[in-house]
Protein backbone atom coordinates (compact mmCIF):
# COMPACT_ATOMS: atom_id res chain seq x y z
CA UNK A 1 -12.41 9.90 2.67
CA UNK A 2 -10.65 6.87 1.26
CA UNK A 3 -8.88 6.53 -2.09
CA UNK A 4 -10.41 3.63 -3.79
CA UNK A 5 -8.31 1.12 -5.96
CA UNK A 6 -8.09 2.06 -9.66
CA UNK A 7 -7.28 5.71 -9.35
CA UNK A 8 -4.76 5.48 -12.00
CA UNK A 9 -7.48 4.43 -14.56
CA UNK A 10 -9.62 7.21 -13.25
CA UNK A 11 -6.95 9.79 -13.85
CA UNK A 12 -6.22 8.78 -17.32
CA UNK A 13 -10.05 8.75 -18.17
CA UNK A 14 -10.40 12.12 -16.94
CA UNK A 15 -7.66 13.48 -19.02
CA UNK A 16 -9.29 11.75 -22.04
CA UNK A 17 -12.64 13.24 -21.27
CA UNK A 18 -11.49 16.81 -21.18
CA UNK A 19 -8.71 16.32 -24.18
CA UNK A 20 -5.95 17.11 -21.79
CA UNK A 21 -2.35 15.93 -21.54
CA UNK A 22 -0.54 14.77 -18.58
CA UNK A 23 1.95 17.72 -18.98
CA UNK A 24 -0.84 20.22 -19.21
CA UNK A 25 -2.39 18.86 -15.80
CA UNK A 26 1.11 18.89 -14.21
CA UNK A 27 1.90 22.55 -15.29
CA UNK A 28 -1.54 23.84 -14.11
CA UNK A 29 -1.23 22.18 -10.55
CA UNK A 30 2.33 22.89 -10.25
CA UNK A 31 1.95 26.49 -10.64
CA UNK A 32 -0.57 26.43 -7.86
CA UNK A 33 1.97 24.52 -5.64
CA UNK A 34 -0.15 21.59 -5.33
CA UNK A 35 1.53 18.92 -3.35
CA UNK A 36 2.81 15.89 -5.38
CA UNK A 37 2.19 17.67 -8.68
CA UNK A 38 5.60 17.34 -10.08
CA UNK A 39 6.03 15.86 -13.54
CA UNK A 40 7.73 12.63 -12.29
CA UNK A 41 4.94 12.25 -9.49
CA UNK A 42 2.16 12.72 -11.95
CA UNK A 43 3.74 10.32 -14.38
CA UNK A 44 3.83 7.71 -11.56
CA UNK A 45 0.29 8.45 -10.51
CA UNK A 46 -0.84 7.63 -13.97
CA UNK A 47 1.25 4.44 -14.35
CA UNK A 48 0.12 3.16 -11.00
CA UNK A 49 3.60 3.21 -9.32
CA UNK A 50 2.46 5.75 -6.63
CA UNK A 51 -0.78 6.76 -5.04
CA UNK A 52 -1.64 10.47 -5.35
CA UNK A 53 -2.16 12.48 -2.26
CA UNK A 54 -5.79 13.70 -1.57
CA UNK A 55 -4.77 17.34 -2.08
CA UNK A 56 -3.60 16.39 -5.66
CA UNK A 57 -6.94 14.51 -6.43
CA UNK A 58 -9.03 17.17 -5.28
CA UNK A 59 -7.07 19.83 -7.29
CA UNK A 60 -7.31 17.48 -10.33
CA UNK A 61 -10.94 16.94 -10.04
CA UNK A 62 -11.54 20.80 -10.06
CA UNK A 63 -9.00 21.31 -12.89
CA UNK A 64 -10.58 18.73 -15.14
CA UNK A 65 -14.13 19.34 -14.23
CA UNK A 66 -14.85 15.76 -12.98
CA UNK A 67 -16.74 14.61 -9.98
CA UNK A 68 -14.15 14.48 -6.93
CA UNK A 69 -16.07 11.70 -5.30
CA UNK A 70 -15.79 9.42 -8.66
CA UNK A 71 -12.15 10.33 -9.02
CA UNK A 72 -11.27 9.38 -5.40
CA UNK A 73 -13.82 6.80 -4.13
CA UNK A 74 -14.78 5.56 -7.71
CA UNK A 75 -18.72 6.39 -6.72
CA UNK A 76 -20.99 7.75 -9.41
CA UNK A 77 -19.95 8.95 -12.83
CA UNK A 78 -16.86 11.09 -13.87
CA UNK A 79 -19.43 13.85 -15.44
CA UNK A 80 -21.44 14.38 -12.45
CA UNK A 81 -19.09 17.33 -11.60
CA UNK A 82 -19.59 19.07 -8.42
CA UNK A 83 -22.90 20.49 -9.07
CA UNK A 84 -24.56 17.08 -9.68
CA UNK A 85 -22.26 15.46 -7.11
CA UNK A 86 -22.98 17.49 -4.36
CA UNK A 87 -26.42 16.28 -3.82
CA UNK A 88 -25.13 12.74 -3.31
CA UNK A 89 -22.52 14.10 -0.89
CA UNK A 90 -24.92 16.04 1.05
CA UNK A 91 -27.29 12.93 1.51
CA UNK A 92 -24.38 10.92 2.60
CA UNK A 93 -23.31 13.51 5.17
CA UNK A 94 -27.13 13.96 6.44
CA UNK A 95 -27.31 10.26 6.71
CA UNK A 96 -24.45 9.91 9.04
CA UNK A 97 -25.63 12.92 11.12
CA UNK A 98 -29.17 11.52 11.43
CA UNK A 99 -27.91 8.00 12.31
CA UNK A 100 -25.59 9.43 15.00
CA UNK A 101 -28.35 11.43 16.46
CA UNK A 102 -30.31 8.22 16.93
CA UNK A 103 -27.92 7.44 20.02
CA UNK A 104 -29.04 10.88 21.76
CA UNK A 105 -32.78 10.18 22.44
CA UNK A 106 -36.25 9.97 20.93
CA UNK A 107 -36.97 10.82 17.14
CA UNK A 108 -38.92 13.84 17.91
CA UNK A 109 -35.81 15.56 19.61
CA UNK A 110 -33.47 14.66 16.56
CA UNK A 111 -33.98 17.93 14.50
CA UNK A 112 -33.87 20.01 17.63
CA UNK A 113 -30.56 18.29 18.69
CA UNK A 114 -28.94 18.44 15.23
CA UNK A 115 -29.64 22.16 15.04
CA UNK A 116 -27.96 22.45 18.50
CA UNK A 117 -24.94 20.61 17.21
CA UNK A 118 -24.62 22.74 14.04
CA UNK A 119 -24.95 25.79 16.33
CA UNK A 120 -22.15 24.63 18.51
CA UNK A 121 -19.95 23.97 15.48
CA UNK A 122 -20.66 27.35 14.24
CA UNK A 123 -19.98 28.95 17.42
CA UNK A 124 -16.50 27.96 17.34
CA UNK A 125 -15.92 27.60 13.63
CA UNK A 126 -17.75 30.60 12.28
CA UNK A 127 -17.21 29.43 8.69
CA UNK A 128 -19.16 26.14 9.01
CA UNK A 129 -22.08 27.31 6.92
CA UNK A 130 -19.65 28.29 4.07
CA UNK A 131 -18.15 24.77 3.66
CA UNK A 132 -18.71 22.91 0.58
CA UNK A 133 -20.77 19.65 1.01
CA UNK A 134 -17.77 17.47 0.88
CA UNK A 135 -16.13 19.17 3.77
CA UNK A 136 -19.54 19.45 5.58
CA UNK A 137 -20.10 15.68 5.36
CA UNK A 138 -16.55 15.07 6.76
CA UNK A 139 -17.32 17.24 9.95
CA UNK A 140 -20.42 15.31 10.42
CA UNK A 141 -18.73 11.93 10.05
CA UNK A 142 -16.07 13.13 12.42
CA UNK A 143 -18.68 14.42 15.06
CA UNK A 144 -20.29 10.84 14.86
CA UNK A 145 -17.04 9.14 15.42
CA UNK A 146 -15.79 11.23 18.49
CA UNK A 147 -19.43 11.43 19.89
CA UNK A 148 -19.40 7.70 20.00
CA UNK A 149 -15.87 7.60 21.59
CA UNK A 150 -16.97 10.16 24.18
CA UNK A 151 -20.09 7.86 25.07
CA UNK A 152 -17.73 4.96 25.29
CA UNK A 153 -15.41 6.89 27.53
CA UNK A 154 -18.35 8.15 29.83
CA UNK A 155 -19.49 4.43 30.19
CA UNK A 156 -15.83 3.25 31.01
CA UNK A 157 -15.36 6.06 33.90
CA UNK A 158 -18.91 5.36 35.06
CA UNK A 159 -19.42 9.04 36.12
CA UNK A 160 -16.44 9.00 38.53
CA UNK A 161 -15.22 12.48 37.37
CA UNK A 162 -17.30 15.44 38.53
CA UNK A 163 -16.39 17.39 35.29
CA UNK A 164 -17.91 14.64 33.08
CA UNK A 165 -20.83 15.55 30.86
CA UNK A 166 -23.86 14.29 32.66
CA UNK A 167 -25.95 13.20 29.54
CA UNK A 168 -25.38 12.14 25.94
CA UNK A 169 -26.72 15.52 24.90
CA UNK A 170 -24.03 17.34 26.61
CA UNK A 171 -21.30 15.21 25.37
CA UNK A 172 -22.41 15.73 21.77
CA UNK A 173 -22.31 19.34 22.09
CA UNK A 174 -19.00 19.30 23.81
CA UNK A 175 -17.55 17.34 20.96
CA UNK A 176 -19.05 19.72 18.34
CA UNK A 177 -17.27 22.76 20.29
CA UNK A 178 -13.96 20.68 20.19
CA UNK A 179 -14.21 20.06 16.52
CA UNK A 180 -15.24 23.67 15.61
CA UNK A 181 -12.02 24.92 17.90
CA UNK A 182 -9.72 22.62 15.94
CA UNK A 183 -11.06 23.70 12.56
CA UNK A 184 -11.05 27.46 13.37
CA UNK A 185 -7.47 27.73 14.95
CA UNK A 186 -5.48 28.11 11.58
CA UNK A 187 -8.05 30.53 10.27
CA UNK A 188 -7.42 32.68 13.35
CA UNK A 189 -3.72 32.57 12.99
CA UNK A 190 -3.69 33.21 9.15
CA UNK A 191 -6.33 35.76 9.22
CA UNK A 192 -8.11 34.29 6.18
CA UNK A 193 -11.44 32.78 5.48
CA UNK A 194 -12.89 29.94 3.23
CA UNK A 195 -13.75 32.76 0.49
CA UNK A 196 -10.17 33.47 0.03
CA UNK A 197 -9.35 29.88 -0.91
CA UNK A 198 -10.04 27.73 -3.93
CA UNK A 199 -12.62 25.00 -3.44
CA UNK A 200 -10.15 22.09 -3.38
CA UNK A 201 -7.92 24.20 -0.77
CA UNK A 202 -10.94 24.22 1.67
CA UNK A 203 -11.98 20.55 1.07
CA UNK A 204 -8.31 19.50 1.43
CA UNK A 205 -7.90 21.50 4.73
CA UNK A 206 -11.09 20.39 6.35
CA UNK A 207 -10.63 16.64 5.25
CA UNK A 208 -7.09 16.74 6.67
CA UNK A 209 -8.30 18.09 9.98
CA UNK A 210 -10.95 15.51 10.36
CA UNK A 211 -8.74 12.79 9.31
CA UNK A 212 -6.27 13.79 12.13
CA UNK A 213 -8.98 14.01 14.68
CA UNK A 214 -10.57 10.61 13.55
CA UNK A 215 -7.17 8.87 13.83
CA UNK A 216 -7.16 9.60 17.36
CA UNK A 217 -10.24 7.64 18.08
CA UNK A 218 -9.42 3.91 19.11
CA UNK A 219 -10.88 0.89 17.37
CA UNK A 220 -14.57 0.93 17.92
CA UNK A 221 -14.19 -2.71 19.33
CA UNK A 222 -11.61 -1.58 22.01
CA UNK A 223 -12.38 -2.13 25.56
CA UNK A 224 -11.04 1.30 26.67
CA UNK A 225 -11.23 4.81 25.13
CA UNK A 226 -8.21 6.38 23.69
CA UNK A 227 -8.38 9.50 26.18
CA UNK A 228 -8.51 8.06 29.73
CA UNK A 229 -8.96 10.18 32.69
CA UNK A 230 -6.01 10.86 35.02
């Protein structure tokens, strides 16, 4: 999720819509130890002198009851709120998933493969079904990017490795397992679950992990994959 230009104006409009002051937002978020919520930082965001971190914007959207997608990306309306905005976010995530699945065979097989990918994610990250739509959409986008890179890598090595997945379906499922493991690891260490967290916390966490994974994928126009066989 990319922060669109004009976030300072959207923050100001959000405060005005909810009749809130900058100080009240600062105090609420600072009490929850939200990154970038100091008084000086919030003042800088509202005056356009600094860009707020994603965690701050997700928490602000929840605190001010405005659409997270509108506040961050400038898409939709501020009063969509989570309930109305979820449908658009879910649709976007589903569209990414279905587009990616087109690379894996005939249309008749897409529904079955999507279920297998979802099952693979849930086998490793048992809380996948509990994710809010924004976080789930991010997981699907990440799966699409990493699956494309896996296909690129398979083409580049031309099947020279015996342990390379033999077909695109295997590669897609392997990628899903890997993403699930990355998402689950911190929960296993901390002995917690999404229901113990605020919504903005789980969204921030999943988006952070997915952003880190996506950053490892090379430019799609690159001639070689990032992870080359030894």
